[in-house]
């Protein structure tokens, strides 16, 4: 295949052109999701904050990008309709290239985590296999959002395993609440994200929840999921022994403001959804569901390690900057 500039396609895997094209599939503006999910697990371990947090945090940050690219290699049919700007659809890179590079990237992330705890290999591999199996579940209305969400929630477990090597100390009620909060918060993003692809999914045989039951049912399902995310998130915040209104009123107030803001963003996104019914404009409320996820997760992290306030403010601002400069404004 040859493009208009007479350059051979697809690009070589080791070329700069490939790296540039592949980076679009990584969706850097969404890697903040996995970064925070992993960081929450790290904080649940109650390991004293140090430079040792940085390598696993970076590994968690990139897992989302490699995971998204990996699943893209199986979904060129629907992406050809809904996301024609993507390099895979344009033929600039191939599904086999993307699959191999993404799998290597995920394995490197697992290896970084294994430096701290070798038992992470089994759990991390389970997550990678889950990503490979995602597309068949996406084609079924009962599978997609929840299959995707358990993989993201798994990052919390991996995060805690980094510093906690005794299996008897890994699983407790805090970890359960954390996984459930992340699971339901992320499933909201996936559910609402499907709204922008209704026509493409319908044309290619993906029977997602919006295709099967329509726009309003999907939005209402999202509301239930966000309510559950808030419920478990707030439960987790109140189980933290690091913070209380009696002894740390300023910190506690900051956390509650973040939770409240997350809820306001969610309400705003759903006012948009109920009034627009337009998949081409769905990107705006979808962005707000990402903001809801990040702010809720930040509030939980701060309840366990408030010293991270300044780094997390910077982290969130970087998310907004990267979101602003994403390559296609109508896509998330």
Protein backbone atom coordinates (compact mmCIF):
# COMPACT_ATOMS: atom_id res chain seq x y z
CA UNK A 1 0.00 0.00 0.00
CA UNK A 2 1.29 3.47 -0.86
CA UNK A 3 0.17 6.83 0.50
CA UNK A 4 -0.12 10.12 -1.34
CA UNK A 5 3.50 10.99 -0.55
CA UNK A 6 4.75 7.74 -2.13
CA UNK A 7 5.95 6.43 1.23
CA UNK A 8 5.52 2.71 1.70
CA UNK A 9 2.92 1.63 4.22
CA UNK A 10 2.79 0.18 6.76
CA UNK A 11 5.67 1.82 8.57
CA UNK A 12 8.53 -0.28 9.88
CA UNK A 13 8.09 -1.22 13.52
CA UNK A 14 11.42 0.39 14.44
CA UNK A 15 10.85 3.64 12.58
CA UNK A 16 10.02 7.04 14.04
CA UNK A 17 6.89 7.11 11.87
CA UNK A 18 5.66 3.94 13.57
CA UNK A 19 6.32 5.36 17.03
CA UNK A 20 4.43 8.54 16.14
CA UNK A 21 1.48 6.59 14.75
CA UNK A 22 1.48 4.11 17.64
CA UNK A 23 1.50 6.92 20.21
CA UNK A 24 -1.95 7.96 18.98
CA UNK A 25 -3.29 4.53 19.92
CA UNK A 26 -1.76 4.83 23.39
CA UNK A 27 -4.16 7.69 24.23
CA UNK A 28 -1.78 9.45 26.66
CA UNK A 29 -4.67 11.57 27.95
CA UNK A 30 -6.30 8.42 29.40
CA UNK A 31 -3.19 6.87 30.97
CA UNK A 32 -3.94 9.00 34.04
CA UNK A 33 -6.71 6.49 34.80
CA UNK A 34 -4.40 3.52 35.29
CA UNK A 35 -1.80 5.68 37.00
CA UNK A 36 -4.25 6.64 39.74
CA UNK A 37 -5.75 3.15 40.05
CA UNK A 38 -2.28 1.71 40.65
CA UNK A 39 -1.32 4.55 42.99
CA UNK A 40 -4.41 3.86 45.09
CA UNK A 41 -3.22 0.28 45.54
CA UNK A 42 0.26 1.50 46.48
CA UNK A 43 -1.23 3.79 49.14
CA UNK A 44 -3.39 0.98 50.54
CA UNK A 45 -0.20 -0.91 51.34
CA UNK A 46 0.58 1.82 53.91
CA UNK A 47 4.21 1.76 52.79
CA UNK A 48 5.92 5.01 53.72
CA UNK A 49 6.03 7.39 50.77
CA UNK A 50 9.43 7.33 49.08
CA UNK A 51 11.19 7.24 45.72
CA UNK A 52 10.31 3.53 45.60
CA UNK A 53 6.80 4.56 44.54
CA UNK A 54 8.01 6.07 41.26
CA UNK A 55 8.92 3.00 39.13
CA UNK A 56 5.68 1.09 39.83
CA UNK A 57 3.63 4.26 39.38
CA UNK A 58 5.21 4.81 35.94
CA UNK A 59 4.50 1.16 35.06
CA UNK A 60 0.86 1.54 36.08
CA UNK A 61 0.59 4.77 34.10
CA UNK A 62 1.62 3.10 30.85
CA UNK A 63 -0.46 -0.06 31.28
CA UNK A 64 -3.59 1.75 30.12
CA UNK A 65 -1.95 2.93 26.94
CA UNK A 66 -0.56 -0.47 26.02
CA UNK A 67 -3.87 -2.08 26.94
CA UNK A 68 -5.88 0.30 24.76
CA UNK A 69 -3.55 -0.23 21.80
CA UNK A 70 -3.75 -3.99 22.29
CA UNK A 71 -7.55 -4.02 22.15
CA UNK A 72 -7.49 -1.69 19.13
CA UNK A 73 -5.69 -4.39 17.17
CA UNK A 74 -8.86 -6.49 17.40
CA UNK A 75 -11.38 -3.70 16.64
CA UNK A 76 -10.43 -2.23 13.27
CA UNK A 77 -13.90 -3.06 11.91
CA UNK A 78 -15.84 -0.69 14.16
CA UNK A 79 -12.98 1.84 14.38
CA UNK A 80 -13.00 2.17 10.59
CA UNK A 81 -16.43 3.78 10.96
CA UNK A 82 -16.22 5.61 14.29
CA UNK A 83 -12.50 6.51 14.38
CA UNK A 84 -11.18 6.80 10.81
CA UNK A 85 -8.30 9.03 11.97
CA UNK A 86 -6.55 6.18 13.79
CA UNK A 87 -3.35 4.88 12.17
CA UNK A 88 -4.57 1.27 12.24
CA UNK A 89 -7.59 2.19 10.14
CA UNK A 90 -5.47 4.28 7.76
CA UNK A 91 -3.13 1.37 7.16
CA UNK A 92 -0.10 3.20 8.52
CA UNK A 93 0.56 0.37 10.97
CA UNK A 94 -0.82 -3.16 11.13
CA UNK A 95 -2.81 -5.03 13.81
CA UNK A 96 -0.02 -7.60 14.18
CA UNK A 97 2.55 -4.84 14.78
CA UNK A 98 0.33 -3.16 17.35
CA UNK A 99 -0.44 -6.44 19.09
CA UNK A 100 3.22 -7.41 19.41
CA UNK A 101 4.46 -4.02 20.58
CA UNK A 102 1.58 -3.63 23.04
CA UNK A 103 2.11 -7.08 24.49
CA UNK A 104 5.83 -6.39 24.95
CA UNK A 105 4.95 -3.07 26.60
CA UNK A 106 2.56 -4.75 29.03
CA UNK A 107 5.11 -7.44 29.85
CA UNK A 108 7.73 -4.75 30.57
CA UNK A 109 5.28 -3.06 32.96
CA UNK A 110 4.72 -6.41 34.70
CA UNK A 111 8.47 -6.97 34.95
CA UNK A 112 8.92 -3.59 36.66
CA UNK A 113 6.28 -4.58 39.22
CA UNK A 114 7.82 -8.05 39.61
CA UNK A 115 11.04 -6.40 40.79
CA UNK A 116 9.12 -5.63 43.98
CA UNK A 117 7.06 -8.83 44.20
CA UNK A 118 7.50 -11.83 41.91
CA UNK A 119 3.96 -13.03 42.66
CA UNK A 120 2.69 -10.11 40.58
CA UNK A 121 3.52 -12.10 37.43
CA UNK A 122 0.47 -14.35 37.78
CA UNK A 123 -1.97 -11.53 38.53
CA UNK A 124 -0.48 -9.23 35.90
CA UNK A 125 -0.63 -11.96 33.27
CA UNK A 126 -4.30 -12.50 34.14
CA UNK A 127 -4.93 -8.83 33.36
CA UNK A 128 -3.10 -9.06 30.03
CA UNK A 129 -5.12 -12.12 29.06
CA UNK A 130 -8.26 -10.23 30.02
CA UNK A 131 -7.35 -7.46 27.60
CA UNK A 132 -6.78 -9.95 24.79
CA UNK A 133 -10.24 -11.43 25.46
CA UNK A 134 -11.99 -8.04 25.68
CA UNK A 135 -13.34 -7.70 22.13
CA UNK A 136 -15.63 -10.77 22.20
CA UNK A 137 -17.13 -9.47 25.44
CA UNK A 138 -17.58 -5.98 23.99
CA UNK A 139 -19.78 -7.50 21.28
CA UNK A 140 -22.24 -8.61 23.97
CA UNK A 141 -24.30 -6.04 25.86
CA UNK A 142 -23.84 -7.86 29.16
CA UNK A 143 -20.06 -8.08 28.88
CA UNK A 144 -18.12 -5.07 27.63
CA UNK A 145 -18.14 -2.44 30.39
CA UNK A 146 -17.83 -4.91 33.23
CA UNK A 147 -15.13 -7.00 31.59
CA UNK A 148 -13.10 -3.85 30.97
CA UNK A 149 -13.68 -2.61 34.50
CA UNK A 150 -12.42 -5.67 36.38
CA UNK A 151 -9.12 -5.31 34.54
CA UNK A 152 -8.76 -1.70 35.73
CA UNK A 153 -9.81 -2.69 39.26
CA UNK A 154 -7.12 -5.38 39.15
CA UNK A 155 -4.54 -2.58 39.08
CA UNK A 156 -5.51 -1.69 42.64
CA UNK A 157 -4.69 -5.24 43.75
CA UNK A 158 -1.41 -5.15 41.84
CA UNK A 159 -0.60 -1.81 43.46
CA UNK A 160 -1.05 -3.21 46.93
CA UNK A 161 0.95 -6.33 46.03
CA UNK A 162 3.97 -4.18 45.15
CA UNK A 163 4.78 -3.58 48.82
CA UNK A 164 2.72 -6.31 50.52
CA UNK A 165 4.18 -9.73 49.83
CA UNK A 166 2.24 -11.71 52.43
CA UNK A 167 -0.98 -12.93 50.78
CA UNK A 168 -2.76 -13.00 54.12
CA UNK A 169 -2.27 -9.22 54.43
CA UNK A 170 -3.26 -8.25 50.87
CA UNK A 171 -7.00 -8.80 50.98
CA UNK A 172 -9.10 -6.83 53.45
CA UNK A 173 -12.22 -4.69 53.47
CA UNK A 174 -10.33 -1.59 52.32
CA UNK A 175 -9.05 -3.38 49.24
CA UNK A 176 -12.58 -4.66 48.53
CA UNK A 177 -14.05 -1.14 48.76
CA UNK A 178 -11.23 0.25 46.60
CA UNK A 179 -11.70 -2.35 43.87
CA UNK A 180 -15.47 -1.83 43.84
CA UNK A 181 -15.13 1.97 43.73
CA UNK A 182 -12.69 1.77 40.79
CA UNK A 183 -14.76 -0.93 39.08
CA UNK A 184 -17.99 1.07 39.09
CA UNK A 185 -16.35 4.45 38.41
CA UNK A 186 -14.54 3.09 35.36
CA UNK A 187 -17.59 1.20 34.07
CA UNK A 188 -19.39 4.55 33.89
CA UNK A 189 -16.74 5.82 31.50
CA UNK A 190 -16.99 2.69 29.35
CA UNK A 191 -20.79 2.72 29.28
CA UNK A 192 -21.04 6.38 28.30
CA UNK A 193 -18.11 5.93 25.91
CA UNK A 194 -20.14 3.41 23.95
CA UNK A 195 -22.67 6.14 23.13
CA UNK A 196 -20.29 7.75 20.63
CA UNK A 197 -20.00 4.47 18.69
CA UNK A 198 -23.62 3.36 18.42
CA UNK A 199 -23.83 3.57 14.63
CA UNK A 200 -20.43 1.93 14.10
CA UNK A 201 -21.11 -0.85 16.59
CA UNK A 202 -24.54 -1.52 15.11
CA UNK A 203 -23.09 -1.71 11.59
CA UNK A 204 -20.36 -4.16 12.59
CA UNK A 205 -22.38 -6.49 14.83
CA UNK A 206 -21.30 -5.18 18.23
CA UNK A 207 -24.40 -5.57 20.40
CA UNK A 208 -23.38 -3.11 23.11
CA UNK A 209 -25.78 -1.88 25.78
CA UNK A 210 -26.73 1.27 23.79
CA UNK A 211 -27.29 -0.81 20.64
CA UNK A 212 -29.46 -3.32 22.52
CA UNK A 213 -31.43 -1.06 24.86
CA UNK A 214 -30.92 2.48 23.63
CA UNK A 215 -29.47 5.77 24.82
CA UNK A 216 -31.57 6.44 27.95
CA UNK A 217 -31.19 2.95 29.43
CA UNK A 218 -27.42 3.25 29.05
CA UNK A 219 -27.36 6.64 30.75
CA UNK A 220 -29.54 5.39 33.63
CA UNK A 221 -27.29 2.34 34.02
CA UNK A 222 -24.37 4.75 34.25
CA UNK A 223 -26.13 6.67 37.02
CA UNK A 224 -26.52 3.49 39.08
CA UNK A 225 -22.88 2.64 38.58
CA UNK A 226 -21.68 6.10 39.60
CA UNK A 227 -23.87 5.98 42.71
CA UNK A 228 -22.21 2.68 43.64
CA UNK A 229 -18.76 4.14 42.93
CA UNK A 230 -19.51 7.06 45.25
CA UNK A 231 -20.89 4.74 47.91
CA UNK A 232 -17.84 2.49 48.02
CA UNK A 233 -15.47 5.43 47.59
CA UNK A 234 -16.93 7.25 50.58
CA UNK A 235 -16.95 4.03 52.62
CA UNK A 236 -13.26 3.64 51.85
CA UNK A 237 -12.46 7.23 52.80
CA UNK A 238 -14.12 6.74 56.18
CA UNK A 239 -12.15 3.54 56.84
CA UNK A 240 -8.86 5.41 56.55
CA UNK A 241 -7.07 5.85 59.85
CA UNK A 242 -4.99 8.69 58.40
CA UNK A 243 -7.64 11.35 58.38
CA UNK A 244 -10.71 12.49 60.31
CA UNK A 245 -12.71 15.66 60.60
CA UNK A 246 -11.95 15.90 64.30
CA UNK A 247 -8.17 15.92 63.96
CA UNK A 248 -7.58 17.11 60.41
CA UNK A 249 -10.51 19.34 59.42
CA UNK A 250 -8.73 21.11 56.53
CA UNK A 251 -7.60 17.88 54.89
CA UNK A 252 -10.97 16.26 55.42
CA UNK A 253 -12.70 19.28 53.88
CA UNK A 254 -10.45 19.18 50.81
CA UNK A 255 -11.30 15.51 50.30
CA UNK A 256 -15.03 16.11 50.62
CA UNK A 257 -14.81 19.02 48.16
CA UNK A 258 -13.16 16.71 45.63
CA UNK A 259 -15.86 14.08 46.12
CA UNK A 260 -18.55 16.74 45.78
CA UNK A 261 -16.92 18.14 42.63
CA UNK A 262 -16.77 14.66 41.14
CA UNK A 263 -20.50 14.34 41.75
CA UNK A 264 -21.21 17.76 40.23
CA UNK A 265 -19.24 16.87 37.12
CA UNK A 266 -21.24 13.69 36.84
CA UNK A 267 -24.57 15.50 37.15
CA UNK A 268 -23.47 18.00 34.52
CA UNK A 269 -22.42 15.24 32.11
CA UNK A 270 -25.78 13.52 32.46
CA UNK A 271 -27.75 16.69 31.96
CA UNK A 272 -25.89 16.91 28.66
CA UNK A 273 -26.60 13.27 27.83
CA UNK A 274 -30.32 13.47 28.50
CA UNK A 275 -30.68 16.62 26.40
CA UNK A 276 -28.50 15.86 23.37
CA UNK A 277 -29.07 12.25 22.17
CA UNK A 278 -26.34 12.86 19.61
CA UNK A 279 -23.46 10.38 19.41
CA UNK A 280 -21.28 12.86 17.50
CA UNK A 281 -21.44 15.24 20.48
CA UNK A 282 -21.15 12.57 23.17
CA UNK A 283 -17.42 13.23 23.58
CA UNK A 284 -18.11 16.18 25.90
CA UNK A 285 -19.97 14.25 28.64
CA UNK A 286 -17.56 11.34 28.17
CA UNK A 287 -14.68 13.65 29.11
CA UNK A 288 -16.57 14.60 32.26
CA UNK A 289 -16.93 10.95 33.26
CA UNK A 290 -13.13 10.70 33.08
CA UNK A 291 -12.86 13.77 35.30
CA UNK A 292 -15.29 12.15 37.73
CA UNK A 293 -13.17 9.02 37.89
CA UNK A 294 -9.94 10.95 38.45
CA UNK A 295 -11.31 13.30 41.12
CA UNK A 296 -13.01 10.51 43.05
CA UNK A 297 -9.84 8.41 42.96
CA UNK A 298 -7.70 11.39 43.99
CA UNK A 299 -9.98 12.04 46.97
CA UNK A 300 -9.59 8.42 48.11
CA UNK A 301 -5.80 8.49 47.68
CA UNK A 302 -5.55 11.69 49.71
CA UNK A 303 -7.47 10.10 52.56
CA UNK A 304 -4.58 7.64 52.88
CA UNK A 305 -1.70 9.92 51.94
CA UNK A 306 -2.55 13.61 52.04
CA UNK A 307 1.07 14.57 51.45
CA UNK A 308 0.43 13.74 47.79
CA UNK A 309 -1.89 16.73 47.40
CA UNK A 310 0.51 18.94 45.45
CA UNK A 311 1.80 16.17 43.13
CA UNK A 312 -1.78 15.10 42.43
CA UNK A 313 -2.86 18.65 41.61
CA UNK A 314 -0.01 18.82 39.07
CA UNK A 315 -0.94 15.35 37.83
CA UNK A 316 -4.55 16.40 37.25
CA UNK A 317 -3.51 19.58 35.44
CA UNK A 318 -1.31 17.48 33.14
CA UNK A 319 -4.37 15.36 32.39
CA UNK A 320 -6.35 18.44 31.37
CA UNK A 321 -3.48 19.65 29.17
CA UNK A 322 -3.10 16.27 27.47
CA UNK A 323 -6.86 16.04 26.98
CA UNK A 324 -6.90 19.47 25.37
CA UNK A 325 -4.17 18.48 22.91
CA UNK A 326 -5.59 15.06 21.98
CA UNK A 327 -5.34 14.45 18.20
CA UNK A 328 -9.07 14.22 17.50
CA UNK A 329 -11.32 16.56 19.46
CA UNK A 330 -14.48 14.51 18.92
CA UNK A 331 -12.87 11.37 20.32
CA UNK A 332 -11.92 10.31 23.82
